[in-house]
Protein backbone atom coordinates (compact mmCIF):
# COMPACT_ATOMS: atom_id res chain seq x y z
CA MET A 1 0.20 -0.24 0.16
CA LEU A 2 2.90 2.53 0.84
CA THR A 3 4.37 1.56 -2.47
CA ALA A 4 1.37 2.52 -4.24
CA LEU A 5 0.88 5.78 -2.81
CA PHE A 6 4.96 6.64 -3.39
CA ASN A 7 3.83 5.58 -6.83
CA TRP A 8 1.19 7.64 -7.26
CA LEU A 9 2.53 10.97 -5.92
CA ASP A 10 5.72 10.14 -8.16
CA ASP A 11 3.27 10.59 -10.74
CA TRP A 12 1.71 13.55 -9.45
CA LEU A 13 5.06 15.48 -8.45
CA PHE A 14 6.70 14.65 -11.71
CA GLY A 15 4.22 14.28 -14.33
CA ASP A 16 3.88 16.89 -17.15
CA PHE A 17 1.40 19.22 -15.00
CA ALA A 18 4.21 19.49 -12.62
CA ASN A 19 6.45 20.71 -15.08
CA SER A 20 4.23 23.51 -15.99
CA HIS A 21 4.42 27.33 -15.59
CA SER A 22 1.32 27.81 -13.46
CA PRO A 23 1.38 28.38 -9.55
CA LEU A 24 0.53 24.89 -8.87
CA GLY A 25 2.72 23.34 -10.89
CA SER A 26 5.62 25.87 -9.21
CA LEU A 27 3.95 24.22 -6.07
CA LEU A 28 4.61 20.61 -6.54
CA ARG A 29 8.16 21.09 -8.12
CA VAL A 30 8.81 22.56 -4.53
CA LEU A 31 6.81 19.77 -2.75
CA ARG A 32 8.84 17.69 -4.52
CA TYR A 33 11.82 17.98 -2.24
CA PRO A 34 10.08 17.06 0.82
CA TYR A 35 8.48 13.91 -0.33
CA ALA A 36 11.84 12.85 -1.96
CA LEU A 37 13.22 12.71 1.75
CA LEU A 38 10.10 11.20 3.26
CA ARG A 39 10.48 8.27 0.55
CA ASP A 40 14.07 8.15 1.29
CA LEU A 41 13.53 7.66 4.81
CA ALA A 42 10.78 5.30 4.26
CA ARG A 43 12.81 2.81 2.36
CA GLY A 44 15.27 2.64 5.95
CA GLN A 45 19.08 2.97 4.39
CA ILE A 46 19.56 6.91 5.72
CA ASN A 47 17.96 5.13 9.04
CA LEU A 48 20.31 2.33 9.20
CA HIS A 49 23.43 4.57 8.86
CA ALA A 50 22.00 6.87 11.53
CA MET A 51 21.38 3.33 13.81
CA GLY A 52 25.33 2.86 12.99
CA LEU A 53 26.60 6.36 13.83
CA VAL A 54 24.39 6.11 17.34
CA TYR A 55 27.09 3.34 18.14
CA ALA A 56 30.02 5.02 16.79
CA THR A 57 29.03 7.94 18.86
CA LEU A 58 29.32 5.61 22.06
CA LEU A 59 32.61 4.71 21.58
CA SER A 60 34.08 8.26 20.04
CA VAL A 61 32.19 11.41 22.47
CA ILE A 62 34.92 10.90 25.31
CA PRO A 63 37.40 10.18 23.20
CA LEU A 64 36.40 13.73 21.04
CA VAL A 65 35.98 15.57 24.02
CA ALA A 66 38.93 14.14 25.78
CA PHE A 67 40.93 15.64 22.42
CA SER A 68 39.45 19.00 22.43
CA PHE A 69 39.78 19.09 25.95
CA ALA A 70 43.52 18.64 25.77
CA ILE A 71 43.72 21.12 23.06
CA LEU A 72 41.88 23.95 24.29
CA LYS A 73 43.97 23.54 27.98
CA VAL A 74 46.79 25.01 26.18
CA PHE A 75 44.67 28.66 25.51
CA GLY A 76 43.07 27.90 29.00
CA ALA A 77 39.68 27.87 27.23
CA HIS A 78 38.79 24.10 28.04
CA ARG A 79 35.77 24.72 30.11
CA ASP A 80 34.23 26.38 27.28
CA LEU A 81 33.08 23.12 25.65
CA GLU A 82 31.07 22.13 29.09
CA PRO A 83 27.71 24.28 27.60
CA ILE A 84 28.62 22.91 24.05
CA ILE A 85 28.40 19.46 25.63
CA TYR A 86 24.94 20.73 27.31
CA GLU A 87 23.49 21.79 24.20
CA PHE A 88 23.75 18.91 22.73
CA PHE A 89 22.22 16.91 25.75
CA ARG A 90 19.43 19.58 26.54
CA PRO A 91 16.32 17.62 24.88
CA LEU A 92 16.97 15.55 27.89
CA GLY A 93 15.65 17.23 30.37
CA ASP A 94 17.11 17.56 33.83
CA ALA A 95 19.59 14.70 32.99
CA ALA A 96 21.57 17.00 30.59
CA THR A 97 23.14 18.67 33.62
CA ASP A 98 24.10 15.20 35.16
CA LEU A 99 25.33 13.85 31.53
CA THR A 100 26.98 16.90 30.85
CA ARG A 101 29.18 16.54 34.03
CA ARG A 102 29.92 12.92 33.79
CA VAL A 103 31.31 13.76 30.24
CA MET A 104 33.35 16.50 31.04
CA GLU A 105 34.40 14.30 34.12
CA PHE A 106 35.91 11.36 31.82
CA ALA A 107 37.33 13.77 29.37
CA ASP A 108 39.13 15.64 32.27
CA ASN A 109 40.63 12.15 33.34
CA VAL A 110 41.49 11.13 29.84
CA SER A 111 43.19 14.01 28.80
CA THR A 112 45.07 14.24 32.27
CA GLY A 113 46.92 10.54 31.29
CA ILE A 114 45.50 8.83 33.36
CA VAL A 115 44.18 6.21 31.06
CA GLY A 116 48.11 6.13 29.96
CA ALA A 117 49.68 6.06 26.41
CA VAL A 118 48.45 2.78 24.88
CA GLY A 119 44.95 4.07 26.17
CA PHE A 120 44.89 7.23 24.70
CA ALA A 121 46.31 5.79 21.46
CA LEU A 122 43.49 3.30 21.31
CA LEU A 123 40.68 6.19 21.87
CA LEU A 124 42.54 8.17 19.31
CA TRP A 125 41.73 5.34 16.88
CA THR A 126 38.47 4.61 18.15
CA LEU A 127 38.00 8.76 17.06
CA ILE A 128 39.72 8.65 13.79
CA SER A 129 37.36 5.41 12.91
CA THR A 130 34.46 7.49 13.64
CA ILE A 131 34.93 10.36 11.49
CA LYS A 132 35.92 7.57 8.92
CA LYS A 133 32.33 6.50 9.64
CA VAL A 134 30.99 9.80 9.60
CA GLU A 135 32.33 10.12 6.37
CA ASP A 136 31.06 7.09 4.47
CA SER A 137 27.99 8.10 6.02
CA PHE A 138 28.03 11.65 4.18
CA ASN A 139 29.32 10.04 0.95
CA PHE A 140 26.40 7.48 1.01
CA VAL A 141 23.79 10.22 0.96
CA TRP A 142 25.53 12.30 -1.57
CA ARG A 143 26.22 9.13 -3.89
CA VAL A 144 30.01 9.09 -3.82
CA GLU A 145 31.70 6.36 -4.55
CA GLN A 146 35.27 6.47 -3.73
CA ALA A 147 36.23 7.89 -0.16
CA ARG A 148 39.45 10.41 0.51
CA GLY A 149 42.45 8.50 0.16
CA ILE A 150 44.65 7.65 3.17
CA GLY A 151 46.86 10.65 3.23
CA ARG A 152 44.43 12.87 2.49
CA ARG A 153 42.47 11.78 5.05
CA ILE A 154 44.93 11.41 7.70
CA THR A 155 45.48 15.48 7.16
CA GLU A 156 42.13 16.32 6.71
CA TYR A 157 41.23 14.60 9.82
CA ALA A 158 43.90 15.65 12.10
CA ALA A 159 43.07 19.36 10.75
CA LEU A 160 39.62 18.90 11.76
CA LEU A 161 40.54 18.02 15.33
CA ILE A 162 42.90 20.66 16.06
CA ILE A 163 41.24 23.46 14.35
CA GLY A 164 37.79 22.82 14.60
CA PRO A 165 37.38 23.56 18.24
CA LEU A 166 39.54 26.13 18.44
CA LEU A 167 37.51 27.76 15.53
CA LEU A 168 34.35 26.68 17.79
CA VAL A 169 35.57 28.51 20.76
CA ALA A 170 36.76 31.33 19.52
CA PHE A 171 33.75 32.25 17.91
CA LEU A 172 31.97 31.87 21.18
CA GLY A 173 34.81 34.23 23.34
CA LEU A 174 34.16 36.58 20.51
CA SER A 175 30.48 36.67 20.30
CA HIS A 176 30.95 37.23 24.51
CA LEU A 177 33.44 39.82 23.72
CA ALA A 178 30.65 41.91 21.60
CA LEU A 179 28.02 41.27 23.97
CA ASP A 180 30.25 42.65 27.02
CA SER A 181 31.44 45.62 25.02
CA ALA A 182 30.74 49.16 26.03
CA ALA A 183 28.71 49.81 22.84
CA VAL A 184 26.50 47.23 23.17
CA GLN A 185 25.93 47.40 27.35
CA TYR A 186 25.02 51.25 26.27
CA ALA A 187 22.53 50.09 23.52
CA ARG A 188 20.76 47.49 26.07
CA GLU A 189 19.76 50.21 28.35
CA LEU A 190 17.34 50.91 24.81
CA PRO A 191 14.04 48.70 25.50
CA LEU A 192 14.00 47.91 21.76
CA ILE A 193 17.68 47.17 21.34
CA ASP A 194 17.73 45.20 25.19
CA ARG A 195 14.82 42.60 23.77
CA LEU A 196 16.63 42.16 20.43
CA VAL A 197 20.04 41.34 22.06
CA ALA A 198 18.00 38.98 24.20
CA TRP A 199 16.38 37.22 21.50
CA GLY A 200 19.70 36.94 19.68
CA ILE A 201 21.14 35.11 22.16
CA SER A 202 18.35 32.89 22.75
CA LEU A 203 18.98 31.99 18.83
CA SER A 204 22.64 31.41 19.15
CA PRO A 205 22.58 28.11 20.28
CA TYR A 206 20.72 27.35 17.20
CA LEU A 207 22.77 29.46 14.77
CA ILE A 208 25.86 27.51 16.14
CA VAL A 209 24.39 24.24 15.12
CA THR A 210 23.39 25.37 11.64
CA ALA A 211 26.85 27.23 11.04
CA LEU A 212 28.16 23.55 12.41
CA PHE A 213 25.72 22.18 10.32
CA THR A 214 26.40 23.77 7.00
CA ALA A 215 29.97 23.16 7.48
CA LEU A 216 29.83 19.78 7.81
CA TYR A 217 27.87 19.46 4.67
CA MET A 218 30.53 21.75 2.89
CA PHE A 219 33.65 19.94 4.13
CA VAL A 220 32.71 15.99 5.11
CA PRO A 221 31.29 14.74 1.51
CA ASN A 222 34.50 13.50 -0.64
CA THR A 223 32.89 15.90 -3.27
CA ARG A 224 32.36 19.60 -4.39
CA VAL A 225 29.44 20.98 -2.19
CA ALA A 226 28.11 24.51 -3.17
CA LEU A 227 27.58 27.18 -0.52
CA VAL A 228 23.87 27.70 -0.92
CA PRO A 229 22.65 24.24 -1.24
CA ALA A 230 24.80 23.35 2.28
CA LEU A 231 23.37 26.62 3.91
CA VAL A 232 19.73 25.84 3.09
CA GLY A 233 20.59 21.86 3.98
CA GLY A 234 22.15 23.19 7.14
CA LEU A 235 19.32 25.54 8.46
CA THR A 236 16.72 23.23 8.17
CA ALA A 237 18.62 20.53 9.92
CA GLY A 238 18.90 23.53 12.53
CA ILE A 239 15.22 24.15 12.58
CA LEU A 240 14.32 20.48 12.72
CA TRP A 241 16.99 19.69 15.89
CA ALA A 242 15.16 22.82 17.42
CA ALA A 243 11.59 21.66 16.93
CA VAL A 244 12.35 17.85 17.44
CA GLY A 245 14.54 18.69 20.46
CA LYS A 246 11.74 20.84 22.17
CA VAL A 247 9.06 17.82 21.34
CA PHE A 248 11.50 15.37 22.61
CA THR A 249 12.15 17.39 25.92
CA ALA A 250 8.74 17.19 26.49
CA MET A 251 8.18 13.74 26.00
CA VAL A 252 10.93 13.06 28.74
CA VAL A 253 9.49 15.33 31.14
CA TYR A 254 5.88 13.37 30.61
CA THR A 255 7.33 10.08 30.17
CA THR A 256 8.66 10.02 33.89
CA ARG A 257 6.94 6.91 34.43
CA LEU A 258 9.60 5.44 32.33
CA THR A 259 12.01 5.08 35.30
CA ILE A 260 9.56 2.79 37.09
CA VAL A 261 10.31 0.50 34.49
CA TYR A 262 14.01 1.30 33.24
CA ALA A 263 15.34 1.98 36.46
CA GLY A 264 18.72 3.67 36.37
CA PHE A 265 18.33 2.77 32.27
CA ALA A 266 16.10 5.18 31.50
CA ILE A 267 18.37 7.79 31.03
CA ILE A 268 20.31 5.97 28.86
CA ILE A 269 18.01 4.96 26.80
CA ALA A 270 16.80 8.21 26.55
CA ALA A 271 20.13 9.90 25.79
CA LEU A 272 20.44 7.07 23.01
CA LEU A 273 17.10 7.59 21.11
CA TRP A 274 18.09 11.65 21.19
CA THR A 275 21.62 10.50 19.90
CA TYR A 276 19.63 8.76 16.98
CA LEU A 277 17.48 11.42 16.54
CA GLY A 278 20.17 13.77 15.92
CA TRP A 279 22.28 11.76 13.43
CA LEU A 280 18.89 11.34 11.59
CA ILE A 281 18.17 15.13 11.19
CA LEU A 282 22.05 15.73 9.97
CA LEU A 283 21.83 12.97 7.42
CA VAL A 284 18.11 14.56 6.31
CA GLY A 285 19.76 17.90 6.24
CA ALA A 286 22.50 16.84 3.90
CA ARG A 287 19.89 14.94 1.37
CA LEU A 288 18.14 18.13 1.03
CA SER A 289 21.25 19.78 0.36
CA PHE A 290 22.28 16.87 -2.22
CA TYR A 291 18.82 17.15 -3.77
CA LEU A 292 19.38 21.28 -4.09
CA GLN A 293 22.82 20.79 -6.11
CA ASN A 294 21.40 17.69 -7.67
CA ARG A 295 17.79 18.20 -8.94
CA ASN A 296 18.00 15.16 -11.34
CA TYR A 297 18.20 13.13 -8.53
CA LEU A 298 14.91 13.81 -7.04
CA ARG A 299 12.79 11.33 -8.65
CA VAL A 300 15.55 8.40 -8.84
CA GLY A 301 16.59 9.14 -4.94
CA LEU A 302 19.10 5.71 -3.37
CA VAL A 303 17.84 3.68 -5.84
CA ASP A 304 20.88 2.03 -7.85
CA ILE A 305 21.22 3.22 -11.36
CA ARG A 306 21.27 0.27 -13.77
CA LEU A 307 21.15 1.54 -17.68
CA SER A 308 20.47 -0.80 -20.24
CA ALA A 309 23.47 -1.67 -22.85
CA GLN A 310 21.43 0.54 -25.94
CA GLU A 311 21.42 3.22 -23.00
CA LEU A 312 25.09 3.11 -22.24
CA GLU A 313 25.75 3.11 -25.84
CA LYS A 314 24.25 6.36 -26.38
CA LEU A 315 25.10 8.10 -23.37
CA ALA A 316 28.87 7.13 -24.32
CA LEU A 317 28.22 8.67 -27.60
CA LYS A 318 26.41 11.38 -26.17
CA ILE A 319 29.29 12.56 -23.83
CA MET A 320 32.11 12.23 -26.37
CA TYR A 321 29.78 14.11 -28.57
CA LEU A 322 29.36 17.01 -26.17
CA VAL A 323 33.15 17.05 -25.21
CA GLY A 324 34.58 16.95 -28.52
CA ARG A 325 32.09 19.43 -30.02
CA SER A 326 33.27 22.38 -27.23
CA HIS A 327 37.02 21.43 -27.54
CA THR A 328 36.61 21.90 -30.84
CA GLN A 329 34.57 24.52 -31.12
CA GLY A 330 35.93 26.85 -28.10
CA ALA A 331 32.74 26.57 -26.43
CA ALA A 332 31.98 26.00 -22.27
CA ARG A 333 33.77 23.27 -21.51
CA TRP A 334 32.03 20.28 -19.90
CA SER A 335 31.60 18.70 -16.13
CA VAL A 336 30.00 15.84 -15.19
CA GLN A 337 27.85 17.98 -13.08
CA SER A 338 27.00 20.00 -16.53
CA LEU A 339 26.48 16.93 -18.59
CA SER A 340 24.05 15.28 -15.95
CA ASP A 341 21.96 18.50 -16.49
CA GLU A 342 22.30 19.18 -19.96
CA LEU A 343 21.31 15.41 -20.65
CA ASN A 344 18.53 15.27 -17.73
CA MET A 345 20.26 12.34 -16.08
CA PRO A 346 21.42 11.70 -12.68
CA GLY A 347 25.03 12.38 -12.33
CA ILE A 348 26.05 8.64 -10.92
CA ALA A 349 25.36 7.16 -14.29
CA ILE A 350 27.71 10.20 -15.86
CA ALA A 351 29.99 9.90 -13.69
CA GLN A 352 30.31 5.77 -14.18
CA THR A 353 30.41 6.06 -18.04
CA VAL A 354 33.17 9.00 -17.50
CA GLY A 355 35.55 6.71 -15.21
CA CYS A 356 35.42 4.01 -18.42
CA LEU A 357 35.94 6.42 -21.00
CA GLU A 358 38.68 7.75 -18.85
CA GLN A 359 40.53 4.34 -18.85
CA ALA A 360 39.95 3.79 -22.06
CA LYS A 361 41.96 6.75 -22.53
CA LEU A 362 39.36 8.73 -24.96
CA VAL A 363 38.69 11.51 -22.18
CA THR A 364 40.58 13.15 -19.10
CA ALA A 365 39.81 15.24 -16.56
CA SER A 366 41.51 18.49 -15.56
CA ASP A 367 42.25 19.83 -12.12
CA ASN A 368 38.85 21.47 -11.86
CA ASP A 369 36.94 18.59 -13.41
CA ILE A 370 36.78 19.56 -16.91
CA LEU A 371 36.56 17.18 -19.17
CA LEU A 372 38.78 16.98 -22.50
CA PRO A 373 39.14 14.46 -25.02
CA ALA A 374 42.57 12.77 -24.27
CA ARG A 375 43.61 12.83 -27.95
CA ASP A 376 43.11 14.42 -31.16
CA ILE A 377 39.48 13.76 -32.11
CA GLY A 378 40.22 12.73 -35.48
CA HIS A 379 42.24 9.72 -33.89
CA ILE A 380 38.91 8.60 -32.08
CA THR A 381 37.34 6.24 -33.81
CA LEU A 382 33.72 5.63 -33.13
CA ARG A 383 34.42 2.00 -32.39
CA GLU A 384 36.11 2.54 -29.87
CA ILE A 385 33.47 4.55 -27.85
CA MET A 386 31.10 1.76 -28.76
CA THR A 387 33.16 -1.20 -27.80
CA VAL A 388 33.69 1.03 -24.26
CA ALA A 389 30.20 1.16 -24.04
CA ARG A 390 29.66 -2.18 -24.61
CA SER A 391 32.16 -3.67 -22.43
CA GLN A 392 30.77 -2.50 -19.12
CA LYS A 393 30.12 -4.87 -16.94
CA SER A 394 30.34 -5.78 -13.12
CA GLY A 395 33.07 -8.16 -13.31
CA HIS A 396 31.14 -10.50 -10.81
CA LEU A 397 30.68 -12.90 -13.40
CA HIS A 398 32.65 -14.46 -15.85
CA THR A 399 30.25 -14.84 -19.01
CA ASN A 400 32.67 -17.35 -21.21
CA GLY A 401 29.99 -20.01 -20.92
CA LYS A 402 29.07 -23.42 -22.88
CA ALA A 403 29.65 -22.53 -26.96
CA MET A 404 26.07 -22.57 -28.87
CA PRO A 405 26.72 -22.65 -32.38
CA ALA A 406 23.48 -21.00 -33.57
CA VAL A 407 23.71 -18.56 -31.01
CA ASP A 408 27.38 -17.52 -31.59
CA ARG A 409 26.60 -17.27 -34.95
CA LEU A 410 23.84 -14.61 -34.56
CA THR A 411 25.75 -12.65 -32.09
CA GLU A 412 29.13 -12.61 -34.32
CA GLN A 413 26.50 -11.43 -37.47
CA LEU A 414 25.36 -8.54 -35.03
CA GLU A 415 29.11 -7.74 -33.69
CA ALA A 416 29.93 -7.31 -37.52
CA ALA A 417 26.85 -5.04 -38.15
CA TRP A 418 27.45 -2.40 -35.39
CA GLN A 419 31.19 -2.46 -36.55
CA THR A 420 30.10 -2.71 -40.00
CA THR A 421 28.19 0.69 -39.17
CA CYS A 422 30.91 2.46 -37.77
CA ASN A 423 33.64 1.60 -39.78
CA ASP A 424 36.07 3.92 -39.47
CA ARG A 425 34.50 6.89 -38.77
CA SER A 426 35.93 9.08 -36.12
CA LEU A 427 34.19 11.35 -33.72
CA ARG A 428 35.38 14.29 -35.89
CA ASP A 429 33.36 12.77 -38.49
CA LEU A 430 30.36 12.46 -36.12
CA ILE A 431 30.53 16.29 -35.16
CA GLU A 432 30.74 16.98 -38.63
CA GLU A 433 27.76 15.72 -39.72
CA GLY A 434 25.85 17.13 -36.58
CA GLY A 435 26.58 20.43 -38.04
């Protein structure tokens, strides 16, 4: 029944009427985004990643705070972490204060060397593994197939662990300094300004969460994320965080009877549930950023792209035609994203075919991801392009099976037919025919 509902919504939101210029058509195009997010949540893959990150969080929360604690202690700012940790646990109600105190105590013990060098190394390895798991989840949401290399991963993770806490505390310090300045103190004597400042202070935790989410969306996935999609995703996730946090706090306060059933474990269960919801909100915001930057995926979602043999051949020829023509005519260059927009196809299908063409040395990618012919287009034959398209396979199955003369003769005839059609024509010939 749920599948039938999604099919009906799919036809309605992506049909001809939704593509019209009427006000209702514009509204339907906007509704594609919440529909796509709800559909992805219903399929359960994002939920599974959020659950896996809950387990990773349990292992890494102490090492993360301890590592930040040790770095900030050099600057005498280690206690500034406490309000940030409290902000995370605040939806748990009265238990937030106790949880924050315990985490700070554990982190203080770790950072002062009580666990020893071996224990600290183990905790650091746990922290690095958790960051890798977060990156994998973001790459999954962004349909990125290749993670960072080991060298780049170590460099960027180390920079994140060192610079991240410093930037966060510096931001908080500058905010307090600005609020305590003489100009602000004088302005606060005015009723309207004082009300605006109080309003700004009450919103500051949510602004910090939004800024943090936006930064994560831009830098964690192993792909280029534009500022506007990341900002919209971060703002949406921040609003969801605030709204769900208030509902969760009310639920925790209302369901105090849970302590009768779970006794001392009630706070642990509440913390696990809130951590899961937090990661789910974070991944939903990342998915929204992905859809804003890659609108061609709205209808496809998380479904694996499987093109037919005919579609692969046509796609490879179209890619080579556009890349070769722009190179010849000095027109705007093509990237995977611009090809996706031009051909109205998901970027992952373009990227897979471009990867095969790169391996065959038919195209090459510059440092800024611009695609260029790998050699003179007069020396790139259509037969080569077709061979690349027809040779794509999963690699999991060997197709050399039992010989069947009748079938083998037919396939040989078909093979000879397309090769005769291509003959010795080059990519340049195809471009000149197109005009």
